[in-house]
């Protein structure tokens, strides 16, 4: 049996990969649009990408670890960070507060890691605005809006989840229409197809953005 010999990585290729600037990848979508699934698939496909750990005031669920799943804060500590301007974006949902620390994102980017943000449309707008004022976040940010190809398909997905009443689903669809109208503010519009196809397209976006000339440089000749 012939042994399979792997060719060694060329030195120039190694230098090229090392010179690629890290990305801050922001994915947003309407409720039921599939962004959580896409984010999970993307993280599994790109081990060099990490998610930004979110702060929350809600109680930890069984098996959740502080600093891994979330940073669990009491309401007072969370408020102090809000007042100090520590968050890239924050919101209160069903009585619990959530926020992404700017230091959390910058720390991981400075380590050379691509950082993934999974946020709603309102949070995405806040992050885009703050990134414009930051010399590190602005060149790293890549925003992607994921949406089903039609409202009928989105309604079908929401019904298939089986977690909401018909009235709640109609309310979610109304909000979704408003959110989808914001697609033009994102760098990319990704019309959802299948989980596999969504991931393929998302990986293509990441690879293309990594190779943009402002984010890389050729090896020395």
N, C-alpha and C. Protein backbone atom coordinates (compact mmCIF):
# COMPACT_ATOMS: atom_id res chain seq x y z
N UNK A 1 0.85 -1.19 0.00
CA UNK A 1 0.00 0.00 0.00
C UNK A 1 0.89 1.24 0.00
N UNK A 2 0.57 2.18 -0.89
CA UNK A 2 1.34 3.40 -0.97
C UNK A 2 0.94 4.35 0.14
N UNK A 3 1.92 4.91 0.79
CA UNK A 3 1.63 5.88 1.84
C UNK A 3 1.21 7.21 1.23
N UNK A 4 0.30 7.86 1.89
CA UNK A 4 -0.14 9.17 1.45
C UNK A 4 0.73 10.22 2.12
N UNK A 5 1.43 10.97 1.30
CA UNK A 5 2.33 11.99 1.81
C UNK A 5 1.69 13.35 1.62
N UNK A 6 1.52 14.07 2.71
CA UNK A 6 0.96 15.41 2.63
C UNK A 6 2.07 16.41 2.34
N UNK A 7 1.82 17.29 1.36
CA UNK A 7 2.81 18.29 1.03
C UNK A 7 2.89 19.32 2.16
N UNK A 8 4.09 19.72 2.54
CA UNK A 8 4.21 20.71 3.60
C UNK A 8 3.66 22.05 3.14
N UNK A 9 3.13 22.80 4.08
CA UNK A 9 2.59 24.12 3.77
C UNK A 9 3.74 25.05 3.39
N UNK A 10 3.57 25.74 2.27
CA UNK A 10 4.60 26.66 1.82
C UNK A 10 4.77 27.80 2.82
N UNK A 11 6.00 28.26 2.96
CA UNK A 11 6.28 29.33 3.91
C UNK A 11 5.50 30.58 3.56
N UNK A 12 5.38 30.89 2.26
CA UNK A 12 4.65 32.09 1.84
C UNK A 12 3.18 31.99 2.19
N UNK A 13 2.63 30.77 2.10
CA UNK A 13 1.22 30.57 2.45
C UNK A 13 1.02 30.80 3.95
N UNK A 14 1.95 30.32 4.76
CA UNK A 14 1.87 30.51 6.20
C UNK A 14 1.91 31.99 6.55
N UNK A 15 2.82 32.72 5.91
CA UNK A 15 2.91 34.15 6.16
C UNK A 15 1.64 34.87 5.75
N UNK A 16 1.08 34.44 4.60
CA UNK A 16 -0.14 35.07 4.11
C UNK A 16 -1.28 34.89 5.11
N UNK A 17 -1.44 33.65 5.63
CA UNK A 17 -2.51 33.39 6.57
C UNK A 17 -2.31 34.18 7.85
N UNK A 18 -1.07 34.32 8.27
CA UNK A 18 -0.80 35.05 9.50
C UNK A 18 -1.10 36.54 9.36
N UNK A 19 -1.04 37.03 8.10
CA UNK A 19 -1.22 38.46 7.89
C UNK A 19 -2.68 38.87 7.74
N UNK A 20 -3.59 37.90 7.68
CA UNK A 20 -5.00 38.22 7.51
C UNK A 20 -5.55 38.85 8.78
N UNK A 21 -6.22 39.98 8.62
CA UNK A 21 -6.79 40.67 9.77
C UNK A 21 -8.05 39.95 10.24
N UNK A 22 -8.30 39.91 11.56
CA UNK A 22 -9.51 39.25 12.07
C UNK A 22 -10.76 40.02 11.70
N UNK A 23 -11.86 39.30 11.60
CA UNK A 23 -13.16 39.87 11.24
C UNK A 23 -14.08 39.92 12.46
N UNK A 24 -14.95 40.91 12.46
CA UNK A 24 -16.07 40.97 13.40
C UNK A 24 -17.32 40.70 12.56
N UNK A 25 -17.80 39.47 12.60
CA UNK A 25 -18.92 39.05 11.75
C UNK A 25 -20.22 39.18 12.52
N UNK A 26 -21.09 40.02 12.03
CA UNK A 26 -22.38 40.27 12.66
C UNK A 26 -23.47 39.65 11.80
N UNK A 27 -24.25 38.74 12.39
CA UNK A 27 -25.36 38.11 11.68
C UNK A 27 -26.67 38.49 12.37
N UNK A 28 -27.61 38.98 11.58
CA UNK A 28 -28.92 39.35 12.11
C UNK A 28 -30.00 38.76 11.22
N UNK A 29 -31.21 38.65 11.77
CA UNK A 29 -32.32 38.06 11.02
C UNK A 29 -33.61 38.33 11.77
N UNK A 30 -34.75 38.25 11.10
CA UNK A 30 -36.02 38.34 11.83
C UNK A 30 -36.23 37.10 12.67
N UNK A 31 -37.14 37.17 13.64
CA UNK A 31 -37.45 36.01 14.48
C UNK A 31 -37.87 34.83 13.60
N UNK A 32 -37.24 33.68 13.80
CA UNK A 32 -37.53 32.51 12.98
C UNK A 32 -36.73 32.46 11.70
N UNK A 33 -35.83 33.43 11.52
CA UNK A 33 -35.05 33.49 10.28
C UNK A 33 -33.92 32.49 10.19
N UNK A 34 -33.54 31.89 11.31
CA UNK A 34 -32.51 30.85 11.28
C UNK A 34 -31.11 31.30 11.63
N UNK A 35 -30.95 32.50 12.24
CA UNK A 35 -29.60 33.00 12.50
C UNK A 35 -28.87 32.19 13.56
N UNK A 36 -29.60 31.67 14.57
CA UNK A 36 -28.93 30.90 15.62
C UNK A 36 -28.34 29.61 15.04
N UNK A 37 -29.11 28.94 14.20
CA UNK A 37 -28.61 27.72 13.55
C UNK A 37 -27.41 28.02 12.68
N UNK A 38 -27.49 29.10 11.90
CA UNK A 38 -26.37 29.47 11.03
C UNK A 38 -25.13 29.79 11.84
N UNK A 39 -25.29 30.49 12.94
CA UNK A 39 -24.14 30.82 13.79
C UNK A 39 -23.50 29.57 14.36
N UNK A 40 -24.31 28.63 14.79
CA UNK A 40 -23.78 27.37 15.33
C UNK A 40 -23.00 26.61 14.26
N UNK A 41 -23.54 26.56 13.05
CA UNK A 41 -22.87 25.88 11.95
C UNK A 41 -21.55 26.57 11.58
N UNK A 42 -21.57 27.89 11.58
CA UNK A 42 -20.38 28.65 11.21
C UNK A 42 -19.27 28.45 12.23
N UNK A 43 -19.60 28.47 13.50
CA UNK A 43 -18.60 28.25 14.55
C UNK A 43 -18.00 26.85 14.46
N UNK A 44 -18.84 25.86 14.11
CA UNK A 44 -18.34 24.49 13.98
C UNK A 44 -17.42 24.35 12.77
N UNK A 45 -17.71 25.11 11.72
CA UNK A 45 -16.93 25.00 10.49
C UNK A 45 -15.63 25.79 10.54
N UNK A 46 -15.57 26.81 11.40
CA UNK A 46 -14.38 27.66 11.49
C UNK A 46 -13.89 27.71 12.94
N UNK A 47 -13.04 26.77 13.33
CA UNK A 47 -12.56 26.72 14.73
C UNK A 47 -11.83 27.99 15.15
N UNK A 48 -11.29 28.75 14.18
CA UNK A 48 -10.58 29.98 14.51
C UNK A 48 -11.53 31.14 14.77
N UNK A 49 -12.83 30.90 14.65
CA UNK A 49 -13.82 31.92 14.95
C UNK A 49 -14.42 31.65 16.32
N UNK A 50 -14.66 32.69 17.08
CA UNK A 50 -15.24 32.55 18.41
C UNK A 50 -16.40 33.51 18.57
N UNK A 51 -17.35 33.16 19.40
CA UNK A 51 -18.47 34.06 19.63
C UNK A 51 -18.15 34.99 20.78
N UNK A 52 -18.74 36.17 20.73
CA UNK A 52 -18.61 37.10 21.85
C UNK A 52 -19.57 36.65 22.95
N UNK A 53 -19.06 36.47 24.17
CA UNK A 53 -19.89 36.04 25.29
C UNK A 53 -20.71 37.23 25.78
N UNK A 54 -22.02 37.03 25.89
CA UNK A 54 -22.94 38.09 26.26
C UNK A 54 -23.13 38.17 27.77
N UNK A 55 -23.28 39.39 28.28
CA UNK A 55 -23.64 39.59 29.69
C UNK A 55 -25.16 39.49 29.84
N UNK A 56 -25.63 38.96 30.96
CA UNK A 56 -27.06 38.90 31.21
C UNK A 56 -27.36 38.96 32.70
N UNK A 57 -28.55 39.45 33.01
CA UNK A 57 -28.98 39.48 34.42
C UNK A 57 -29.88 38.30 34.75
N UNK A 58 -30.17 37.45 33.77
CA UNK A 58 -31.05 36.32 34.07
C UNK A 58 -30.30 35.25 34.86
N UNK A 59 -31.06 34.40 35.53
CA UNK A 59 -30.49 33.33 36.34
C UNK A 59 -29.90 32.24 35.44
N UNK A 60 -28.73 31.70 35.78
CA UNK A 60 -28.15 30.63 34.97
C UNK A 60 -29.06 29.41 34.92
N UNK A 61 -29.15 28.80 33.76
CA UNK A 61 -29.88 27.56 33.61
C UNK A 61 -28.95 26.39 33.92
N UNK A 62 -29.53 25.24 34.11
CA UNK A 62 -28.74 24.06 34.47
C UNK A 62 -27.67 23.80 33.41
N UNK A 63 -26.44 23.66 33.85
CA UNK A 63 -25.34 23.36 32.95
C UNK A 63 -24.63 24.58 32.38
N UNK A 64 -25.22 25.77 32.53
CA UNK A 64 -24.58 26.97 32.00
C UNK A 64 -23.44 27.42 32.92
N UNK A 65 -22.37 27.90 32.30
CA UNK A 65 -21.18 28.29 33.04
C UNK A 65 -20.89 29.77 32.84
N UNK A 66 -20.58 30.44 33.93
CA UNK A 66 -20.24 31.86 33.86
C UNK A 66 -18.94 32.05 33.09
N UNK A 67 -18.96 33.00 32.14
CA UNK A 67 -17.78 33.26 31.34
C UNK A 67 -17.67 32.39 30.11
N UNK A 68 -18.51 31.36 30.03
CA UNK A 68 -18.51 30.47 28.87
C UNK A 68 -19.81 30.64 28.07
N UNK A 69 -20.93 30.41 28.75
CA UNK A 69 -22.23 30.59 28.09
C UNK A 69 -22.66 32.06 28.14
N UNK A 70 -22.52 32.66 29.30
CA UNK A 70 -22.82 34.08 29.52
C UNK A 70 -21.91 34.58 30.63
N UNK A 71 -21.84 35.91 30.75
CA UNK A 71 -21.36 36.53 31.97
C UNK A 71 -22.61 36.87 32.78
N UNK A 72 -22.78 36.21 33.90
CA UNK A 72 -23.99 36.41 34.71
C UNK A 72 -23.74 37.54 35.72
N UNK A 73 -24.51 38.62 35.58
CA UNK A 73 -24.36 39.80 36.43
C UNK A 73 -25.65 40.08 37.17
N UNK A 74 -25.52 40.70 38.35
CA UNK A 74 -26.73 41.18 39.01
C UNK A 74 -27.13 42.50 38.36
N UNK A 75 -28.36 42.94 38.63
CA UNK A 75 -28.90 44.13 37.97
C UNK A 75 -28.05 45.37 38.23
N UNK A 76 -27.54 45.50 39.44
CA UNK A 76 -26.73 46.67 39.79
C UNK A 76 -25.43 46.72 39.00
N UNK A 77 -24.77 45.57 38.89
CA UNK A 77 -23.50 45.51 38.15
C UNK A 77 -23.73 45.79 36.67
N UNK A 78 -24.83 45.28 36.15
CA UNK A 78 -25.15 45.51 34.74
C UNK A 78 -25.38 47.00 34.50
N UNK A 79 -26.15 47.63 35.38
CA UNK A 79 -26.46 49.05 35.23
C UNK A 79 -25.19 49.90 35.28
N UNK A 80 -24.26 49.56 36.14
CA UNK A 80 -23.01 50.30 36.22
C UNK A 80 -22.25 50.25 34.90
N UNK A 81 -22.29 49.11 34.24
CA UNK A 81 -21.61 48.98 32.94
C UNK A 81 -22.33 49.77 31.86
N UNK A 82 -23.65 49.82 31.96
CA UNK A 82 -24.42 50.64 31.02
C UNK A 82 -24.04 52.11 31.19
N UNK A 83 -24.02 52.58 32.43
CA UNK A 83 -23.71 53.98 32.71
C UNK A 83 -22.28 54.34 32.34
N UNK A 84 -21.38 53.37 32.41
CA UNK A 84 -19.98 53.61 32.05
C UNK A 84 -19.75 53.52 30.55
N UNK A 85 -20.78 53.13 29.79
CA UNK A 85 -20.63 53.02 28.34
C UNK A 85 -19.82 51.82 27.90
N UNK A 86 -19.85 50.74 28.71
CA UNK A 86 -19.03 49.56 28.42
C UNK A 86 -19.60 48.67 27.32
N UNK A 87 -20.89 48.80 27.04
CA UNK A 87 -21.54 47.88 26.11
C UNK A 87 -21.53 48.41 24.67
N UNK A 88 -21.29 47.50 23.73
CA UNK A 88 -21.49 47.83 22.32
C UNK A 88 -22.98 47.98 22.04
N UNK A 89 -23.77 47.12 22.64
CA UNK A 89 -25.23 47.22 22.56
C UNK A 89 -25.80 46.46 23.74
N UNK A 90 -27.00 46.88 24.18
CA UNK A 90 -27.67 46.18 25.28
C UNK A 90 -29.17 46.37 25.13
N UNK A 91 -29.92 45.45 25.71
CA UNK A 91 -31.38 45.51 25.64
C UNK A 91 -31.97 44.73 26.79
N UNK A 92 -33.22 45.01 27.10
CA UNK A 92 -33.96 44.26 28.11
C UNK A 92 -35.07 43.49 27.43
N UNK A 93 -35.09 42.17 27.65
CA UNK A 93 -36.06 41.28 27.02
C UNK A 93 -36.75 40.46 28.10
N UNK A 94 -38.08 40.60 28.20
CA UNK A 94 -38.87 39.85 29.18
C UNK A 94 -38.30 40.00 30.59
N UNK A 95 -37.91 41.22 30.93
CA UNK A 95 -37.45 41.51 32.29
C UNK A 95 -35.99 41.23 32.56
N UNK A 96 -35.28 40.64 31.60
CA UNK A 96 -33.85 40.36 31.77
C UNK A 96 -33.03 41.21 30.81
N UNK A 97 -31.89 41.69 31.29
CA UNK A 97 -31.03 42.54 30.46
C UNK A 97 -29.92 41.71 29.83
N UNK A 98 -29.55 42.09 28.61
CA UNK A 98 -28.49 41.43 27.85
C UNK A 98 -27.60 42.50 27.23
N UNK A 99 -26.31 42.24 27.15
CA UNK A 99 -25.42 43.22 26.55
C UNK A 99 -24.10 42.60 26.12
N UNK A 100 -23.49 43.19 25.09
CA UNK A 100 -22.20 42.73 24.58
C UNK A 100 -21.15 43.77 24.94
N UNK A 101 -20.17 43.37 25.72
CA UNK A 101 -19.12 44.28 26.16
C UNK A 101 -18.16 44.59 25.01
N UNK A 102 -17.84 45.86 24.86
CA UNK A 102 -16.87 46.27 23.85
C UNK A 102 -15.52 45.63 24.12
N UNK A 103 -15.13 45.57 25.40
CA UNK A 103 -13.84 44.98 25.76
C UNK A 103 -13.78 43.51 25.41
N UNK A 104 -14.91 42.81 25.50
CA UNK A 104 -14.97 41.39 25.14
C UNK A 104 -14.65 41.21 23.66
N UNK A 105 -15.23 42.04 22.82
CA UNK A 105 -15.02 41.94 21.38
C UNK A 105 -13.60 42.34 21.00
N UNK A 106 -13.15 43.49 21.50
CA UNK A 106 -11.81 43.97 21.17
C UNK A 106 -10.73 43.02 21.66
N UNK A 107 -10.93 42.45 22.84
CA UNK A 107 -9.94 41.53 23.38
C UNK A 107 -9.72 40.33 22.47
N UNK A 108 -10.79 39.78 21.94
CA UNK A 108 -10.68 38.61 21.07
C UNK A 108 -10.13 38.97 19.70
N UNK A 109 -10.51 40.14 19.18
CA UNK A 109 -9.95 40.59 17.91
C UNK A 109 -8.45 40.81 18.03
N UNK A 110 -8.01 41.37 19.14
CA UNK A 110 -6.58 41.65 19.34
C UNK A 110 -5.77 40.38 19.49
N UNK A 111 -6.44 39.29 19.87
CA UNK A 111 -5.77 37.99 19.94
C UNK A 111 -5.68 37.32 18.57
N UNK A 112 -6.26 37.96 17.56
CA UNK A 112 -6.23 37.42 16.20
C UNK A 112 -7.40 36.54 15.85
N UNK A 113 -8.41 36.50 16.72
CA UNK A 113 -9.57 35.65 16.47
C UNK A 113 -10.66 36.39 15.71
N UNK A 114 -11.30 35.72 14.75
CA UNK A 114 -12.53 36.24 14.17
C UNK A 114 -13.61 36.13 15.24
N UNK A 115 -14.45 37.15 15.35
CA UNK A 115 -15.48 37.20 16.39
C UNK A 115 -16.85 37.22 15.74
N UNK A 116 -17.77 36.39 16.26
CA UNK A 116 -19.12 36.28 15.72
C UNK A 116 -20.13 36.89 16.68
N UNK A 117 -21.00 37.74 16.14
CA UNK A 117 -22.08 38.35 16.91
C UNK A 117 -23.41 37.90 16.33
N UNK A 118 -24.29 37.42 17.20
CA UNK A 118 -25.65 37.01 16.83
C UNK A 118 -26.60 37.98 17.51
N UNK A 119 -27.12 38.95 16.76
CA UNK A 119 -27.91 40.02 17.36
C UNK A 119 -29.16 40.31 16.54
N UNK A 120 -30.14 40.95 17.18
CA UNK A 120 -31.35 41.33 16.45
C UNK A 120 -31.08 42.59 15.63
N UNK A 121 -32.08 43.01 14.86
CA UNK A 121 -31.89 44.11 13.93
C UNK A 121 -31.57 45.42 14.66
N UNK A 122 -32.25 45.67 15.77
CA UNK A 122 -32.01 46.89 16.53
C UNK A 122 -30.59 46.90 17.10
N UNK A 123 -30.17 45.76 17.64
CA UNK A 123 -28.81 45.67 18.17
C UNK A 123 -27.76 45.84 17.08
N UNK A 124 -28.06 45.31 15.90
CA UNK A 124 -27.13 45.44 14.77
C UNK A 124 -26.94 46.90 14.40
N UNK A 125 -28.03 47.67 14.40
CA UNK A 125 -27.95 49.09 14.06
C UNK A 125 -27.06 49.84 15.07
N UNK A 126 -27.20 49.50 16.35
CA UNK A 126 -26.39 50.14 17.39
C UNK A 126 -24.92 49.81 17.21
N UNK A 127 -24.62 48.55 16.93
CA UNK A 127 -23.23 48.13 16.76
C UNK A 127 -22.61 48.78 15.53
N UNK A 128 -23.36 48.83 14.43
CA UNK A 128 -22.83 49.49 13.23
C UNK A 128 -22.49 50.95 13.52
N UNK A 129 -23.37 51.62 14.25
CA UNK A 129 -23.15 53.03 14.57
C UNK A 129 -21.91 53.22 15.43
N UNK A 130 -21.75 52.40 16.46
CA UNK A 130 -20.59 52.53 17.34
C UNK A 130 -19.30 52.12 16.65
N UNK A 131 -19.39 51.15 15.74
CA UNK A 131 -18.19 50.71 15.02
C UNK A 131 -17.63 51.81 14.14
N UNK A 132 -18.51 52.65 13.62
CA UNK A 132 -18.05 53.75 12.77
C UNK A 132 -17.15 54.71 13.52
N UNK A 133 -17.27 54.74 14.84
CA UNK A 133 -16.50 55.68 15.66
C UNK A 133 -15.24 55.03 16.24
N UNK A 134 -15.02 53.73 15.95
CA UNK A 134 -13.91 53.01 16.56
C UNK A 134 -12.92 52.56 15.48
N UNK A 135 -11.64 52.92 15.60
CA UNK A 135 -10.66 52.58 14.56
C UNK A 135 -10.34 51.10 14.45
N UNK A 136 -10.68 50.30 15.45
CA UNK A 136 -10.44 48.86 15.38
C UNK A 136 -11.68 48.11 14.90
N UNK A 137 -12.85 48.53 15.37
CA UNK A 137 -14.07 47.83 14.99
C UNK A 137 -14.50 48.12 13.56
N UNK A 138 -14.33 49.36 13.13
CA UNK A 138 -14.81 49.75 11.80
C UNK A 138 -14.23 48.90 10.67
N UNK A 139 -12.90 48.70 10.60
CA UNK A 139 -12.37 47.89 9.50
C UNK A 139 -12.64 46.40 9.65
N UNK A 140 -12.96 45.95 10.86
CA UNK A 140 -13.19 44.52 11.10
C UNK A 140 -14.62 44.09 10.82
N UNK A 141 -15.58 45.02 10.92
CA UNK A 141 -16.99 44.67 10.89
C UNK A 141 -17.48 44.23 9.51
N UNK A 142 -18.18 43.11 9.48
CA UNK A 142 -18.88 42.60 8.29
C UNK A 142 -20.29 42.22 8.74
N UNK A 143 -21.30 42.87 8.19
CA UNK A 143 -22.68 42.62 8.63
C UNK A 143 -23.46 41.84 7.57
N UNK A 144 -24.21 40.84 8.04
CA UNK A 144 -24.97 39.97 7.16
C UNK A 144 -26.41 39.88 7.66
N UNK A 145 -27.35 40.08 6.75
CA UNK A 145 -28.76 39.93 7.11
C UNK A 145 -29.30 38.66 6.46
N UNK A 146 -29.79 37.75 7.29
CA UNK A 146 -30.33 36.47 6.84
C UNK A 146 -31.85 36.53 6.89
N UNK A 147 -32.51 36.16 5.80
CA UNK A 147 -33.97 36.18 5.81
C UNK A 147 -34.53 35.07 4.92
N UNK A 148 -35.67 34.49 5.31
CA UNK A 148 -36.33 33.53 4.43
C UNK A 148 -36.74 34.21 3.13
N UNK A 149 -36.89 33.47 2.04
CA UNK A 149 -37.21 34.09 0.75
C UNK A 149 -38.62 34.65 0.65
N UNK A 150 -39.49 34.31 1.60
CA UNK A 150 -40.85 34.84 1.56
C UNK A 150 -41.46 34.84 2.96
N UNK A 151 -42.50 35.66 3.15
CA UNK A 151 -43.19 35.69 4.44
C UNK A 151 -43.93 34.39 4.69
N UNK A 152 -44.40 33.74 3.63
CA UNK A 152 -45.09 32.46 3.79
C UNK A 152 -44.17 31.41 4.40
N UNK A 153 -42.92 31.39 3.93
CA UNK A 153 -41.96 30.43 4.47
C UNK A 153 -41.62 30.77 5.91
N UNK A 154 -41.49 32.05 6.21
CA UNK A 154 -41.22 32.46 7.59
C UNK A 154 -42.37 32.06 8.51
N UNK A 155 -43.60 32.27 8.06
CA UNK A 155 -44.76 31.89 8.86
C UNK A 155 -44.79 30.38 9.09
N UNK A 156 -44.44 29.63 8.06
CA UNK A 156 -44.40 28.17 8.19
C UNK A 156 -43.37 27.74 9.23
N UNK A 157 -42.21 28.39 9.22
CA UNK A 157 -41.17 28.06 10.20
C UNK A 157 -41.63 28.37 11.62
N UNK A 158 -42.28 29.51 11.80
CA UNK A 158 -42.74 29.89 13.13
C UNK A 158 -43.81 28.92 13.63
N UNK A 159 -44.70 28.49 12.74
CA UNK A 159 -45.73 27.53 13.14
C UNK A 159 -45.12 26.17 13.47
N UNK A 160 -44.10 25.79 12.70
CA UNK A 160 -43.47 24.49 12.90
C UNK A 160 -42.74 24.40 14.24
N UNK A 161 -42.30 25.55 14.76
CA UNK A 161 -41.63 25.54 16.08
C UNK A 161 -42.59 25.13 17.18
N UNK A 162 -43.87 25.45 17.02
CA UNK A 162 -44.89 25.05 17.98
C UNK A 162 -44.79 25.70 19.33
N UNK A 163 -44.16 26.87 19.40
CA UNK A 163 -43.99 27.53 20.70
C UNK A 163 -44.90 28.74 20.87
N UNK A 164 -45.54 29.20 19.81
CA UNK A 164 -46.34 30.42 19.87
C UNK A 164 -47.77 30.18 19.41
N UNK A 165 -48.68 30.97 19.98
CA UNK A 165 -50.08 30.92 19.55
C UNK A 165 -50.22 31.62 18.19
N UNK A 166 -51.31 31.38 17.47
CA UNK A 166 -51.52 32.07 16.18
C UNK A 166 -51.44 33.58 16.30
N UNK A 167 -51.96 34.14 17.40
CA UNK A 167 -51.91 35.60 17.57
C UNK A 167 -50.48 36.08 17.73
N UNK A 168 -49.66 35.35 18.49
CA UNK A 168 -48.27 35.73 18.69
C UNK A 168 -47.50 35.60 17.37
N UNK A 169 -47.80 34.57 16.60
CA UNK A 169 -47.13 34.39 15.31
C UNK A 169 -47.41 35.57 14.39
N UNK A 170 -48.67 36.02 14.35
CA UNK A 170 -49.01 37.17 13.51
C UNK A 170 -48.28 38.43 13.97
N UNK A 171 -48.13 38.56 15.28
CA UNK A 171 -47.39 39.71 15.81
C UNK A 171 -45.93 39.64 15.40
N UNK A 172 -45.36 38.44 15.48
CA UNK A 172 -43.97 38.26 15.09
C UNK A 172 -43.79 38.56 13.60
N UNK A 173 -44.74 38.17 12.79
CA UNK A 173 -44.65 38.41 11.35
C UNK A 173 -44.71 39.91 11.05
N UNK A 174 -45.52 40.64 11.82
CA UNK A 174 -45.58 42.08 11.65
C UNK A 174 -44.25 42.75 11.97
N UNK A 175 -43.63 42.29 13.06
CA UNK A 175 -42.32 42.81 13.44
C UNK A 175 -41.28 42.43 12.38
N UNK A 176 -41.40 41.20 11.88
CA UNK A 176 -40.44 40.71 10.88
C UNK A 176 -40.47 41.56 9.62
N UNK A 177 -41.65 41.99 9.21
CA UNK A 177 -41.75 42.84 8.02
C UNK A 177 -40.98 44.14 8.21
N UNK A 178 -41.07 44.70 9.39
CA UNK A 178 -40.33 45.93 9.68
C UNK A 178 -38.81 45.66 9.71
N UNK A 179 -38.42 44.51 10.27
CA UNK A 179 -37.00 44.18 10.36
C UNK A 179 -36.41 43.91 8.99
N UNK A 180 -37.14 43.17 8.16
CA UNK A 180 -36.63 42.84 6.82
C UNK A 180 -36.41 44.10 5.99
N UNK A 181 -37.20 45.13 6.24
CA UNK A 181 -37.05 46.39 5.51
C UNK A 181 -35.71 47.05 5.78
N UNK A 182 -34.99 46.60 6.81
CA UNK A 182 -33.69 47.18 7.16
C UNK A 182 -32.52 46.50 6.45
N UNK A 183 -32.81 45.54 5.58
CA UNK A 183 -31.75 44.74 4.96
C UNK A 183 -30.72 45.60 4.23
N UNK A 184 -31.15 46.70 3.68
CA UNK A 184 -30.25 47.53 2.86
C UNK A 184 -29.14 48.18 3.67
N UNK A 185 -29.24 48.15 5.01
CA UNK A 185 -28.20 48.73 5.85
C UNK A 185 -27.08 47.74 6.16
N UNK A 186 -27.21 46.51 5.68
CA UNK A 186 -26.21 45.48 5.94
C UNK A 186 -25.29 45.33 4.72
N UNK A 187 -24.10 44.78 4.96
CA UNK A 187 -23.16 44.56 3.86
C UNK A 187 -23.63 43.48 2.91
N UNK A 188 -24.30 42.45 3.45
CA UNK A 188 -24.76 41.32 2.64
C UNK A 188 -26.20 40.95 3.00
N UNK A 189 -26.93 40.54 1.98
CA UNK A 189 -28.27 39.98 2.17
C UNK A 189 -28.20 38.51 1.79
N UNK A 190 -28.53 37.63 2.73
CA UNK A 190 -28.46 36.19 2.51
C UNK A 190 -29.87 35.62 2.56
N UNK A 191 -30.40 35.22 1.38
CA UNK A 191 -31.73 34.62 1.32
C UNK A 191 -31.61 33.16 1.72
N UNK A 192 -32.24 32.80 2.82
CA UNK A 192 -32.10 31.46 3.38
C UNK A 192 -32.65 30.40 2.43
N UNK A 193 -31.91 29.32 2.30
CA UNK A 193 -32.34 28.17 1.47
C UNK A 193 -32.41 26.95 2.39
N UNK A 194 -31.32 26.21 2.48
CA UNK A 194 -31.21 25.08 3.41
C UNK A 194 -30.08 25.39 4.38
N UNK A 195 -29.99 24.62 5.46
CA UNK A 195 -28.92 24.83 6.42
C UNK A 195 -27.56 24.69 5.74
N UNK A 196 -27.43 23.67 4.90
CA UNK A 196 -26.16 23.42 4.21
C UNK A 196 -25.82 24.56 3.26
N UNK A 197 -26.80 25.02 2.49
CA UNK A 197 -26.55 26.08 1.52
C UNK A 197 -26.29 27.42 2.21
N UNK A 198 -27.01 27.69 3.30
CA UNK A 198 -26.78 28.94 4.04
C UNK A 198 -25.34 28.97 4.56
N UNK A 199 -24.88 27.84 5.07
CA UNK A 199 -23.51 27.77 5.59
C UNK A 199 -22.50 27.95 4.46
N UNK A 200 -22.74 27.32 3.31
CA UNK A 200 -21.82 27.45 2.18
C UNK A 200 -21.67 28.91 1.77
N UNK A 201 -22.79 29.60 1.68
CA UNK A 201 -22.75 31.01 1.28
C UNK A 201 -22.08 31.87 2.35
N UNK A 202 -22.35 31.56 3.60
CA UNK A 202 -21.76 32.34 4.69
C UNK A 202 -20.25 32.15 4.72
N UNK A 203 -19.79 30.93 4.50
CA UNK A 203 -18.35 30.67 4.45
C UNK A 203 -17.71 31.41 3.28
N UNK A 204 -18.42 31.48 2.16
CA UNK A 204 -17.90 32.21 1.00
C UNK A 204 -17.75 33.70 1.32
N UNK A 205 -18.72 34.25 2.06
CA UNK A 205 -18.64 35.66 2.47
C UNK A 205 -17.42 35.89 3.35
N UNK A 206 -17.23 35.01 4.34
CA UNK A 206 -16.11 35.16 5.26
C UNK A 206 -14.78 35.08 4.51
N UNK A 207 -14.65 34.09 3.63
CA UNK A 207 -13.40 33.92 2.90
C UNK A 207 -13.12 35.13 2.00
N UNK A 208 -14.15 35.63 1.34
CA UNK A 208 -13.97 36.80 0.47
C UNK A 208 -13.55 38.02 1.29
N UNK A 209 -14.18 38.22 2.44
CA UNK A 209 -13.85 39.36 3.27
C UNK A 209 -12.44 39.26 3.85
N UNK A 210 -12.01 38.04 4.16
CA UNK A 210 -10.66 37.86 4.69
C UNK A 210 -9.60 38.27 3.65
N UNK A 211 -9.94 38.12 2.37
CA UNK A 211 -8.97 38.36 1.30
C UNK A 211 -9.06 39.76 0.70
N UNK A 212 -9.94 40.60 1.21
CA UNK A 212 -10.00 41.97 0.72
C UNK A 212 -8.67 42.67 0.99
N UNK A 213 -8.22 43.45 0.04
CA UNK A 213 -6.88 44.04 0.13
C UNK A 213 -6.63 44.86 1.39
N UNK A 214 -7.63 45.58 1.95
CA UNK A 214 -7.32 46.32 3.19
C UNK A 214 -7.04 45.41 4.38
N UNK A 215 -7.40 44.12 4.26
CA UNK A 215 -7.26 43.21 5.41
C UNK A 215 -6.09 42.25 5.28
N UNK A 216 -5.35 42.33 4.21
CA UNK A 216 -4.25 41.39 4.03
C UNK A 216 -3.11 42.09 3.29
N UNK A 217 -2.01 41.42 3.18
CA UNK A 217 -0.88 41.94 2.41
C UNK A 217 -0.09 40.77 1.85
N UNK A 218 0.53 40.96 0.69
CA UNK A 218 1.29 39.86 0.10
C UNK A 218 2.58 39.60 0.86
N UNK A 219 3.15 38.41 0.69
CA UNK A 219 4.44 38.13 1.34
C UNK A 219 5.55 38.96 0.69
N UNK A 220 6.64 39.06 1.39
CA UNK A 220 7.79 39.78 0.83
C UNK A 220 8.46 38.93 -0.24
N UNK A 221 8.76 39.54 -1.36
CA UNK A 221 9.40 38.81 -2.47
C UNK A 221 10.89 39.15 -2.54
